[in-house]
PDB file of N, CA and C in Angstrom:
ATOM      1  N   MET A   1      36.495 165.406   6.013  1.00  0.00           N
ATOM      2  CA  MET A   1      35.362 166.010   5.341  1.00  0.00           C
ATOM      3  C   MET A   1      35.868 167.117   4.428  1.00  0.00           C
ATOM      4  N   ILE A   2      35.414 167.114   3.181  1.00  0.00           N
ATOM      5  CA  ILE A   2      35.757 168.168   2.232  1.00  0.00           C
ATOM      6  C   ILE A   2      34.668 169.219   2.294  1.00  0.00           C
ATOM      7  N   THR A   3      35.058 170.454   2.473  1.00  0.00           N
ATOM      8  CA  THR A   3      34.098 171.547   2.552  1.00  0.00           C
ATOM      9  C   THR A   3      34.202 172.404   1.307  1.00  0.00           C
ATOM     10  N   ILE A   4      33.095 172.560   0.624  1.00  0.00           N
ATOM     11  CA  ILE A   4      33.026 173.446  -0.529  1.00  0.00           C
ATOM     12  C   ILE A   4      32.434 174.751  -0.025  1.00  0.00           C
ATOM     13  N   ARG A   5      33.195 175.812  -0.093  1.00  0.00           N
ATOM     14  CA  ARG A   5      32.706 177.104   0.375  1.00  0.00           C
ATOM     15  C   ARG A   5      32.439 177.982  -0.836  1.00  0.00           C
ATOM     16  N   THR A   6      31.210 178.325  -1.026  1.00  0.00           N
ATOM     17  CA  THR A   6      30.813 179.209  -2.111  1.00  0.00           C
ATOM     18  C   THR A   6      30.102 180.394  -1.504  1.00  0.00           C
ATOM     19  N   THR A   7      30.704 181.563  -1.564  1.00  0.00           N
ATOM     20  CA  THR A   7      30.041 182.747  -1.048  1.00  0.00           C
ATOM     21  C   THR A   7      28.945 183.130  -2.019  1.00  0.00           C
ATOM     22  N   VAL A   8      27.741 183.179  -1.521  1.00  0.00           N
ATOM     23  CA  VAL A   8      26.601 183.480  -2.370  1.00  0.00           C
ATOM     24  C   VAL A   8      26.433 184.988  -2.511  1.00  0.00           C
ATOM     25  N   HIS A   9      26.610 185.730  -1.457  1.00  0.00           N
ATOM     26  CA  HIS A   9      26.605 187.186  -1.520  1.00  0.00           C
ATOM     27  C   HIS A   9      27.122 187.756  -0.218  1.00  0.00           C
ATOM     28  N   GLY A  10      27.431 189.019  -0.225  1.00  0.00           N
ATOM     29  CA  GLY A  10      27.981 189.680   0.952  1.00  0.00           C
ATOM     30  C   GLY A  10      26.920 190.359   1.795  1.00  0.00           C
ATOM     31  N   PRO A  11      27.305 190.877   2.940  1.00  0.00           N
ATOM     32  CA  PRO A  11      26.354 191.468   3.871  1.00  0.00           C
ATOM     33  C   PRO A  11      25.669 192.719   3.340  1.00  0.00           C
ATOM     34  N   ALA A  12      26.240 193.361   2.340  1.00  0.00           N
ATOM     35  CA  ALA A  12      25.616 194.557   1.789  1.00  0.00           C
ATOM     36  C   ALA A  12      24.293 194.232   1.120  1.00  0.00           C
ATOM     37  N   GLU A  13      24.078 192.967   0.794  1.00  0.00           N
ATOM     38  CA  GLU A  13      22.856 192.578   0.113  1.00  0.00           C
ATOM     39  C   GLU A  13      21.771 192.105   1.067  1.00  0.00           C
ATOM     40  N   GLU A  14      21.996 192.268   2.363  1.00  0.00           N
ATOM     41  CA  GLU A  14      20.984 191.891   3.345  1.00  0.00           C
ATOM     42  C   GLU A  14      19.808 192.845   3.227  1.00  0.00           C
ATOM     43  N   SER A  15      18.622 192.349   3.393  1.00  0.00           N
ATOM     44  CA  SER A  15      17.445 193.198   3.351  1.00  0.00           C
ATOM     45  C   SER A  15      16.469 192.757   4.426  1.00  0.00           C
ATOM     46  N   VAL A  16      15.376 193.446   4.515  1.00  0.00           N
ATOM     47  CA  VAL A  16      14.410 193.157   5.566  1.00  0.00           C
ATOM     48  C   VAL A  16      13.202 192.463   4.965  1.00  0.00           C
ATOM     49  N   ALA A  17      12.745 191.419   5.609  1.00  0.00           N
ATOM     50  CA  ALA A  17      11.591 190.659   5.142  1.00  0.00           C
ATOM     51  C   ALA A  17      10.312 191.462   5.354  1.00  0.00           C
ATOM     52  N   ALA A  18       9.214 190.929   4.834  1.00  0.00           N
ATOM     53  CA  ALA A  18       7.918 191.594   4.979  1.00  0.00           C
ATOM     54  C   ALA A  18       7.508 191.703   6.440  1.00  0.00           C
ATOM     55  N   GLU A  19       7.913 190.708   7.255  1.00  0.00           N
ATOM     56  CA  GLU A  19       7.583 190.760   8.673  1.00  0.00           C
ATOM     57  C   GLU A  19       8.580 191.655   9.387  1.00  0.00           C
ATOM     58  N   PRO A  20       8.111 192.666  10.104  1.00  0.00           N
ATOM     59  CA  PRO A  20       9.045 193.542  10.814  1.00  0.00           C
ATOM     60  C   PRO A  20       9.898 192.757  11.818  1.00  0.00           C
ATOM     61  N   GLY A  21      11.170 193.102  11.902  1.00  0.00           N
ATOM     62  CA  GLY A  21      12.045 192.490  12.888  1.00  0.00           C
ATOM     63  C   GLY A  21      12.751 191.237  12.433  1.00  0.00           C
ATOM     64  N   ILE A  22      12.445 190.740  11.231  1.00  0.00           N
ATOM     65  CA  ILE A  22      13.117 189.540  10.727  1.00  0.00           C
ATOM     66  C   ILE A  22      14.011 189.945   9.568  1.00  0.00           C
ATOM     67  N   SER A  23      15.328 189.850   9.756  1.00  0.00           N
ATOM     68  CA  SER A  23      16.271 190.172   8.686  1.00  0.00           C
ATOM     69  C   SER A  23      16.577 188.904   7.901  1.00  0.00           C
ATOM     70  N   VAL A  24      16.626 189.036   6.596  1.00  0.00           N
ATOM     71  CA  VAL A  24      16.921 187.891   5.742  1.00  0.00           C
ATOM     72  C   VAL A  24      17.941 188.271   4.683  1.00  0.00           C
ATOM     73  N   HIS A  25      18.621 187.253   4.181  1.00  0.00           N
ATOM     74  CA  HIS A  25      19.473 187.404   3.010  1.00  0.00           C
ATOM     75  C   HIS A  25      18.647 186.910   1.825  1.00  0.00           C
ATOM     76  N   HIS A  26      18.674 187.651   0.742  1.00  0.00           N
ATOM     77  CA  HIS A  26      18.081 187.193  -0.506  1.00  0.00           C
ATOM     78  C   HIS A  26      19.220 186.595  -1.318  1.00  0.00           C
ATOM     79  N   VAL A  27      19.099 185.336  -1.678  1.00  0.00           N
ATOM     80  CA  VAL A  27      20.147 184.652  -2.435  1.00  0.00           C
ATOM     81  C   VAL A  27      19.869 184.928  -3.914  1.00  0.00           C
ATOM     82  N   HIS A  28      20.506 185.983  -4.425  1.00  0.00           N
ATOM     83  CA  HIS A  28      20.257 186.434  -5.789  1.00  0.00           C
ATOM     84  C   HIS A  28      20.647 185.362  -6.794  1.00  0.00           C
ATOM     85  N   GLY A  29      19.783 185.166  -7.783  1.00  0.00           N
ATOM     86  CA  GLY A  29      20.031 184.157  -8.804  1.00  0.00           C
ATOM     87  C   GLY A  29      19.514 182.788  -8.428  1.00  0.00           C
ATOM     88  N   ALA A  30      18.913 182.656  -7.237  1.00  0.00           N
ATOM     89  CA  ALA A  30      18.369 181.370  -6.791  1.00  0.00           C
ATOM     90  C   ALA A  30      16.863 181.518  -6.610  1.00  0.00           C
ATOM     91  N   SER A  31      16.099 180.849  -7.455  1.00  0.00           N
ATOM     92  CA  SER A  31      14.654 180.883  -7.283  1.00  0.00           C
ATOM     93  C   SER A  31      14.156 179.490  -6.925  1.00  0.00           C
ATOM     94  N   VAL A  32      13.166 179.463  -6.049  1.00  0.00           N
ATOM     95  CA  VAL A  32      12.590 178.223  -5.543  1.00  0.00           C
ATOM     96  C   VAL A  32      11.075 178.342  -5.563  1.00  0.00           C
ATOM     97  N   ALA A  33      10.408 177.209  -5.405  1.00  0.00           N
ATOM     98  CA  ALA A  33       8.952 177.183  -5.268  1.00  0.00           C
ATOM     99  C   ALA A  33       8.622 176.220  -4.150  1.00  0.00           C
ATOM    100  N   GLY A  34       7.701 176.614  -3.303  1.00  0.00           N
ATOM    101  CA  GLY A  34       7.301 175.775  -2.186  1.00  0.00           C
ATOM    102  C   GLY A  34       6.246 174.763  -2.595  1.00  0.00           C
ATOM    103  N   VAL A  35       5.836 173.972  -1.638  1.00  0.00           N
ATOM    104  CA  VAL A  35       4.802 172.972  -1.868  1.00  0.00           C
ATOM    105  C   VAL A  35       3.481 173.492  -1.310  1.00  0.00           C
ATOM    106  N   HIS A  36       2.387 172.956  -1.785  1.00  0.00           N
ATOM    107  CA  HIS A  36       1.059 173.371  -1.346  1.00  0.00           C
ATOM    108  C   HIS A  36       0.939 173.240   0.170  1.00  0.00           C
ATOM    109  N   PRO A  37       0.457 174.210   0.860  1.00  0.00           N
ATOM    110  CA  PRO A  37      -0.068 175.518   0.434  1.00  0.00           C
ATOM    111  C   PRO A  37       0.915 176.655   0.667  1.00  0.00           C
ATOM    112  N   PHE A  38       2.217 176.394   0.683  1.00  0.00           N
ATOM    113  CA  PHE A  38       3.214 177.393   1.039  1.00  0.00           C
ATOM    114  C   PHE A  38       3.975 177.915  -0.178  1.00  0.00           C
ATOM    115  N   ALA A  39       3.879 179.192  -0.469  1.00  0.00           N
ATOM    116  CA  ALA A  39       4.681 179.883  -1.488  1.00  0.00           C
ATOM    117  C   ALA A  39       4.912 179.027  -2.725  1.00  0.00           C
ATOM    118  N   GLU A  40       3.824 178.612  -3.360  1.00  0.00           N
ATOM    119  CA  GLU A  40       3.902 177.723  -4.515  1.00  0.00           C
ATOM    120  C   GLU A  40       4.447 178.398  -5.762  1.00  0.00           C
ATOM    121  N   GLU A  41       4.327 179.712  -5.853  1.00  0.00           N
ATOM    122  CA  GLU A  41       4.846 180.455  -7.000  1.00  0.00           C
ATOM    123  C   GLU A  41       6.363 180.597  -6.867  1.00  0.00           C
ATOM    124  N   PRO A  42       7.102 180.538  -7.968  1.00  0.00           N
ATOM    125  CA  PRO A  42       8.554 180.740  -7.893  1.00  0.00           C
ATOM    126  C   PRO A  42       8.894 182.082  -7.240  1.00  0.00           C
ATOM    127  N   HIS A  43       9.877 182.069  -6.372  1.00  0.00           N
ATOM    128  CA  HIS A  43      10.310 183.268  -5.655  1.00  0.00           C
ATOM    129  C   HIS A  43      11.792 183.142  -5.316  1.00  0.00           C
ATOM    130  N   GLU A  44      12.391 184.252  -4.949  1.00  0.00           N
ATOM    131  CA  GLU A  44      13.813 184.267  -4.621  1.00  0.00           C
ATOM    132  C   GLU A  44      14.053 183.523  -3.307  1.00  0.00           C
ATOM    133  N   LEU A  45      15.090 182.708  -3.282  1.00  0.00           N
ATOM    134  CA  LEU A  45      15.470 181.982  -2.073  1.00  0.00           C
ATOM    135  C   LEU A  45      15.934 182.969  -1.010  1.00  0.00           C
ATOM    136  N   THR A  46      15.459 182.801   0.206  1.00  0.00           N
ATOM    137  CA  THR A  46      15.886 183.653   1.312  1.00  0.00           C
ATOM    138  C   THR A  46      16.397 182.783   2.457  1.00  0.00           C
ATOM    139  N   LEU A  47      17.239 183.401   3.275  1.00  0.00           N
ATOM    140  CA  LEU A  47      17.807 182.739   4.442  1.00  0.00           C
ATOM    141  C   LEU A  47      17.813 183.755   5.572  1.00  0.00           C
ATOM    142  N   ALA A  48      17.176 183.418   6.682  1.00  0.00           N
ATOM    143  CA  ALA A  48      17.180 184.320   7.827  1.00  0.00           C
ATOM    144  C   ALA A  48      18.599 184.489   8.343  1.00  0.00           C
ATOM    145  N   VAL A  49      18.926 185.697   8.751  1.00  0.00           N
ATOM    146  CA  VAL A  49      20.268 185.979   9.270  1.00  0.00           C
ATOM    147  C   VAL A  49      20.538 185.073  10.464  1.00  0.00           C
ATOM    148  N   GLY A  50      21.682 184.376  10.451  1.00  0.00           N
ATOM    149  CA  GLY A  50      22.057 183.447  11.518  1.00  0.00           C
ATOM    150  C   GLY A  50      21.477 182.056  11.353  1.00  0.00           C
ATOM    151  N   ASP A  51      20.770 181.808  10.270  1.00  0.00           N
ATOM    152  CA  ASP A  51      20.086 180.533  10.057  1.00  0.00           C
ATOM    153  C   ASP A  51      20.910 179.598   9.179  1.00  0.00           C
ATOM    154  N   GLN A  52      20.451 178.343   9.062  1.00  0.00           N
ATOM    155  CA  GLN A  52      21.065 177.321   8.217  1.00  0.00           C
ATOM    156  C   GLN A  52      19.949 176.471   7.637  1.00  0.00           C
ATOM    157  N   ARG A  53      20.034 176.139   6.344  1.00  0.00           N
ATOM    158  CA  ARG A  53      19.020 175.299   5.685  1.00  0.00           C
ATOM    159  C   ARG A  53      19.711 174.185   4.905  1.00  0.00           C
ATOM    160  N   PRO A  54      19.215 172.940   4.998  1.00  0.00           N
ATOM    161  CA  PRO A  54      19.812 171.823   4.254  1.00  0.00           C
ATOM    162  C   PRO A  54      19.448 171.881   2.770  1.00  0.00           C
ATOM    163  N   ILE A  55      20.342 171.352   1.925  1.00  0.00           N
ATOM    164  CA  ILE A  55      20.122 171.284   0.481  1.00  0.00           C
ATOM    165  C   ILE A  55      20.507 169.885   0.017  1.00  0.00           C
ATOM    166  N   TRP A  56      19.677 169.258  -0.789  1.00  0.00           N
ATOM    167  CA  TRP A  56      19.978 167.918  -1.304  1.00  0.00           C
ATOM    168  C   TRP A  56      19.272 167.726  -2.642  1.00  0.00           C
ATOM    169  N   TYR A  57      19.727 166.719  -3.397  1.00  0.00           N
ATOM    170  CA  TYR A  57      19.117 166.348  -4.666  1.00  0.00           C
ATOM    171  C   TYR A  57      18.242 165.133  -4.409  1.00  0.00           C
ATOM    172  N   ASP A  58      16.977 165.203  -4.797  1.00  0.00           N
ATOM    173  CA  ASP A  58      16.048 164.111  -4.490  1.00  0.00           C
ATOM    174  C   ASP A  58      15.891 163.109  -5.636  1.00  0.00           C
ATOM    175  N   GLY A  59      16.750 163.203  -6.646  1.00  0.00           N
ATOM    176  CA  GLY A  59      16.655 162.324  -7.801  1.00  0.00           C
ATOM    177  C   GLY A  59      15.975 163.000  -8.978  1.00  0.00           C
ATOM    178  N   THR A  60      15.237 164.059  -8.713  1.00  0.00           N
ATOM    179  CA  THR A  60      14.555 164.818  -9.745  1.00  0.00           C
ATOM    180  C   THR A  60      14.892 166.309  -9.657  1.00  0.00           C
ATOM    181  N   HIS A  61      14.862 166.842  -8.438  1.00  0.00           N
ATOM    182  CA  HIS A  61      15.101 168.270  -8.215  1.00  0.00           C
ATOM    183  C   HIS A  61      16.024 168.477  -7.019  1.00  0.00           C
ATOM    184  N   TRP A  62      16.728 169.610  -7.022  1.00  0.00           N
ATOM    185  CA  TRP A  62      17.406 170.049  -5.812  1.00  0.00           C
ATOM    186  C   TRP A  62      16.336 170.582  -4.879  1.00  0.00           C
ATOM    187  N   ARG A  63      16.488 170.325  -3.591  1.00  0.00           N
ATOM    188  CA  ARG A  63      15.534 170.774  -2.567  1.00  0.00           C
ATOM    189  C   ARG A  63      16.253 171.582  -1.503  1.00  0.00           C
ATOM    190  N   VAL A  64      15.545 172.551  -0.946  1.00  0.00           N
ATOM    191  CA  VAL A  64      16.060 173.362   0.155  1.00  0.00           C
ATOM    192  C   VAL A  64      15.086 173.202   1.305  1.00  0.00           C
ATOM    193  N   GLY A  65      15.559 172.615   2.405  1.00  0.00           N
ATOM    194  CA  GLY A  65      14.703 172.330   3.547  1.00  0.00           C
ATOM    195  C   GLY A  65      14.247 173.576   4.278  1.00  0.00           C
ATOM    196  N   GLN A  66      13.108 173.439   4.926  1.00  0.00           N
ATOM    197  CA  GLN A  66      12.549 174.486   5.774  1.00  0.00           C
ATOM    198  C   GLN A  66      12.793 174.076   7.215  1.00  0.00           C
ATOM    199  N   ASN A  67      13.443 174.920   7.980  1.00  0.00           N
ATOM    200  CA  ASN A  67      13.714 174.578   9.377  1.00  0.00           C
ATOM    201  C   ASN A  67      12.428 174.341  10.149  1.00  0.00           C
ATOM    202  N   GLY A  68      12.411 173.226  10.878  1.00  0.00           N
ATOM    203  CA  GLY A  68      11.252 172.882  11.672  1.00  0.00           C
ATOM    204  C   GLY A  68      10.177 172.120  10.912  1.00  0.00           C
ATOM    205  N   TRP A  69      10.386 171.867   9.617  1.00  0.00           N
ATOM    206  CA  TRP A  69       9.413 171.149   8.800  1.00  0.00           C
ATOM    207  C   TRP A  69      10.075 169.904   8.217  1.00  0.00           C
ATOM    208  N   GLY A  70       9.287 168.890   7.917  1.00  0.00           N
ATOM    209  CA  GLY A  70       9.791 167.663   7.313  1.00  0.00           C
ATOM    210  C   GLY A  70      10.175 167.872   5.854  1.00  0.00           C
ATOM    211  N   ILE A  71      10.787 166.848   5.259  1.00  0.00           N
ATOM    212  CA  ILE A  71      11.260 166.968   3.883  1.00  0.00           C
ATOM    213  C   ILE A  71      10.122 167.145   2.878  1.00  0.00           C
ATOM    214  N   ARG A  72       8.910 166.762   3.243  1.00  0.00           N
ATOM    215  CA  ARG A  72       7.762 166.959   2.347  1.00  0.00           C
ATOM    216  C   ARG A  72       7.517 168.438   2.059  1.00  0.00           C
ATOM    217  N   TYR A  73       7.999 169.309   2.925  1.00  0.00           N
ATOM    218  CA  TYR A  73       7.752 170.746   2.783  1.00  0.00           C
ATOM    219  C   TYR A  73       8.965 171.509   2.260  1.00  0.00           C
ATOM    220  N   ALA A  74       9.973 170.798   1.769  1.00  0.00           N
ATOM    221  CA  ALA A  74      11.174 171.456   1.246  1.00  0.00           C
ATOM    222  C   ALA A  74      10.856 172.190  -0.054  1.00  0.00           C
ATOM    223  N   ASP A  75      11.476 173.358  -0.219  1.00  0.00           N
ATOM    224  CA  ASP A  75      11.329 174.106  -1.465  1.00  0.00           C
ATOM    225  C   ASP A  75      12.017 173.361  -2.597  1.00  0.00           C
ATOM    226  N   ARG A  76      11.443 173.448  -3.790  1.00  0.00           N
ATOM    227  CA  ARG A  76      12.034 172.872  -4.993  1.00  0.00           C
ATOM    228  C   ARG A  76      12.797 173.984  -5.709  1.00  0.00           C
ATOM    229  N   VAL A  77      14.055 173.728  -6.054  1.00  0.00           N
ATOM    230  CA  VAL A  77      14.863 174.739  -6.730  1.00  0.00           C
ATOM    231  C   VAL A  77      14.416 174.838  -8.185  1.00  0.00           C
ATOM    232  N   ILE A  78      14.057 176.042  -8.595  1.00  0.00           N
ATOM    233  CA  ILE A  78      13.682 176.314  -9.981  1.00  0.00           C
ATOM    234  C   ILE A  78      14.929 176.673 -10.779  1.00  0.00           C
ATOM    235  N   ARG A  79      15.774 177.538 -10.201  1.00  0.00           N
ATOM    236  CA  ARG A  79      17.008 177.966 -10.855  1.00  0.00           C
ATOM    237  C   ARG A  79      18.003 178.394  -9.784  1.00  0.00           C
ATOM    238  N   TRP A  80      19.217 177.857  -9.886  1.00  0.00           N
ATOM    239  CA  TRP A  80      20.303 178.267  -8.993  1.00  0.00           C
ATOM    240  C   TRP A  80      21.595 177.739  -9.601  1.00  0.00           C
ATOM    241  N   ASP A  81      22.284 178.582 -10.336  1.00  0.00           N
ATOM    242  CA  ASP A  81      23.484 178.180 -11.074  1.00  0.00           C
ATOM    243  C   ASP A  81      24.566 177.578 -10.183  1.00  0.00           C
ATOM    244  N   ALA A  82      24.654 178.001  -8.930  1.00  0.00           N
ATOM    245  CA  ALA A  82      25.686 177.494  -8.013  1.00  0.00           C
ATOM    246  C   ALA A  82      25.562 175.991  -7.788  1.00  0.00           C
ATOM    247  N   LEU A  83      24.387 175.412  -8.005  1.00  0.00           N
ATOM    248  CA  LEU A  83      24.195 173.980  -7.768  1.00  0.00           C
ATOM    249  C   LEU A  83      24.646 173.122  -8.945  1.00  0.00           C
ATOM    250  N   GLU A  84      24.812 173.716 -10.114  1.00  0.00           N
ATOM    251  CA  GLU A  84      25.156 172.941 -11.304  1.00  0.00           C
ATOM    252  C   GLU A  84      26.484 172.206 -11.185  1.00  0.00           C
ATOM    253  N   GLU A  85      27.413 172.745 -10.414  1.00  0.00           N
ATOM    254  CA  GLU A  85      28.742 172.144 -10.281  1.00  0.00           C
ATOM    255  C   GLU A  85      28.847 171.190  -9.090  1.00  0.00           C
ATOM    256  N   LEU A  86      27.783 171.032  -8.330  1.00  0.00           N
ATOM    257  CA  LEU A  86      27.839 170.217  -7.118  1.00  0.00           C
ATOM    258  C   LEU A  86      27.498 168.764  -7.399  1.00  0.00           C
ATOM    259  N   ASP A  87      28.026 167.869  -6.569  1.00  0.00           N
ATOM    260  CA  ASP A  87      27.761 166.439  -6.659  1.00  0.00           C
ATOM    261  C   ASP A  87      26.366 166.152  -6.105  1.00  0.00           C
ATOM    262  N   PRO A  88      25.465 165.600  -6.914  1.00  0.00           N
ATOM    263  CA  PRO A  88      24.102 165.330  -6.430  1.00  0.00           C
ATOM    264  C   PRO A  88      24.040 164.237  -5.356  1.00  0.00           C
ATOM    265  N   GLN A  89      25.135 163.495  -5.159  1.00  0.00           N
ATOM    266  CA  GLN A  89      25.156 162.457  -4.131  1.00  0.00           C
ATOM    267  C   GLN A  89      25.505 163.019  -2.751  1.00  0.00           C
ATOM    268  N   THR A  90      25.921 164.271  -2.698  1.00  0.00           N
ATOM    269  CA  THR A  90      26.341 164.896  -1.445  1.00  0.00           C
ATOM    270  C   THR A  90      25.246 165.814  -0.930  1.00  0.00           C
ATOM    271  N   ARG A  91      25.049 165.811   0.381  1.00  0.00           N
ATOM    272  CA  ARG A  91      24.116 166.761   1.006  1.00  0.00           C
ATOM    273  C   ARG A  91      24.889 168.029   1.350  1.00  0.00           C
ATOM    274  N   TYR A  92      24.223 169.156   1.256  1.00  0.00           N
ATOM    275  CA  TYR A  92      24.837 170.455   1.503  1.00  0.00           C
ATOM    276  C   TYR A  92      23.977 171.239   2.476  1.00  0.00           C
ATOM    277  N   PHE A  93      24.485 172.379   2.871  1.00  0.00           N
ATOM    278  CA  PHE A  93      23.657 173.320   3.607  1.00  0.00           C
ATOM    279  C   PHE A  93      24.083 174.730   3.249  1.00  0.00           C
ATOM    280  N   ILE A  94      23.143 175.630   3.371  1.00  0.00           N
ATOM    281  CA  ILE A  94      23.392 177.042   3.167  1.00  0.00           C
ATOM    282  C   ILE A  94      23.240 177.696   4.527  1.00  0.00           C
ATOM    283  N   SER A  95      24.195 178.539   4.893  1.00  0.00           N
ATOM    284  CA  SER A  95      24.137 179.146   6.225  1.00  0.00           C
ATOM    285  C   SER A  95      24.643 180.573   6.200  1.00  0.00           C
ATOM    286  N   ASP A  96      24.213 181.324   7.187  1.00  0.00           N
ATOM    287  CA  ASP A  96      24.701 182.678   7.401  1.00  0.00           C
ATOM    288  C   ASP A  96      25.910 182.577   8.315  1.00  0.00           C
ATOM    289  N   GLN A  97      27.068 183.001   7.833  1.00  0.00           N
ATOM    290  CA  GLN A  97      28.289 182.946   8.637  1.00  0.00           C
ATOM    291  C   GLN A  97      28.878 184.342   8.719  1.00  0.00           C
ATOM    292  N   GLY A  98      28.494 185.020   9.769  1.00  0.00           N
ATOM    293  CA  GLY A  98      29.026 186.358   9.983  1.00  0.00           C
ATOM    294  C   GLY A  98      28.609 187.367   8.944  1.00  0.00           C
ATOM    295  N   GLY A  99      27.376 187.282   8.493  1.00  0.00           N
ATOM    296  CA  GLY A  99      26.874 188.236   7.528  1.00  0.00           C
ATOM    297  C   GLY A  99      27.088 187.859   6.081  1.00  0.00           C
ATOM    298  N   VAL A 100      27.673 186.695   5.816  1.00  0.00           N
ATOM    299  CA  VAL A 100      27.881 186.202   4.463  1.00  0.00           C
ATOM    300  C   VAL A 100      27.185 184.854   4.343  1.00  0.00           C
ATOM    301  N   VAL A 101      26.445 184.660   3.265  1.00  0.00           N
ATOM    302  CA  VAL A 101      25.779 183.381   3.028  1.00  0.00           C
ATOM    303  C   VAL A 101      26.747 182.444   2.336  1.00  0.00           C
ATOM    304  N   VAL A 102      26.918 181.236   2.914  1.00  0.00           N
ATOM    305  CA  VAL A 102      27.888 180.259   2.414  1.00  0.00           C
ATOM    306  C   VAL A 102      27.178 178.949   2.114  1.00  0.00           C
ATOM    307  N   LEU A 103      27.561 178.315   1.010  1.00  0.00           N
ATOM    308  CA  LEU A 103      27.061 177.003   0.613  1.00  0.00           C
ATOM    309  C   LEU A 103      28.175 176.001   0.871  1.00  0.00           C
ATOM    310  N   GLU A 104      27.923 174.974   1.709  1.00  0.00           N
ATOM    311  CA  GLU A 104      28.947 174.014   2.096  1.00  0.00           C
ATOM    312  C   GLU A 104      28.419 172.593   2.049  1.00  0.00           C
ATOM    313  N   ALA A 105      29.343 171.630   1.885  1.00  0.00           N
ATOM    314  CA  ALA A 105      28.994 170.216   2.006  1.00  0.00           C
ATOM    315  C   ALA A 105      28.697 169.911   3.465  1.00  0.00           C
ATOM    316  N   ALA A 106      27.721 169.062   3.682  1.00  0.00           N
ATOM    317  CA  ALA A 106      27.334 168.708   5.056  1.00  0.00           C
ATOM    318  C   ALA A 106      28.329 167.745   5.670  1.00  0.00           C
TER     319      ALA A 106
END
């Protein structure tokens, strides 16, 4: 398996979500939009600390899965330059690895 490791940002960029007690990473430069009725307006991609989310190309858009939800509820990527160099035939995931967000091939 070939692993593409792209550090998206460091731990200094961690911030706190609107809900108290939930820490998230904001993936700067990556904007997504959810599907009805969830966060339909474009917004910055976030990843809960210690979490992992799948990423794939659906033939039209890159998608970022929501943990615990089916693919129908995956966010649609509006802008994320890090995906431009990736193979659309490969599935990826974004994960928190020790305080750093990493993009890797699945």
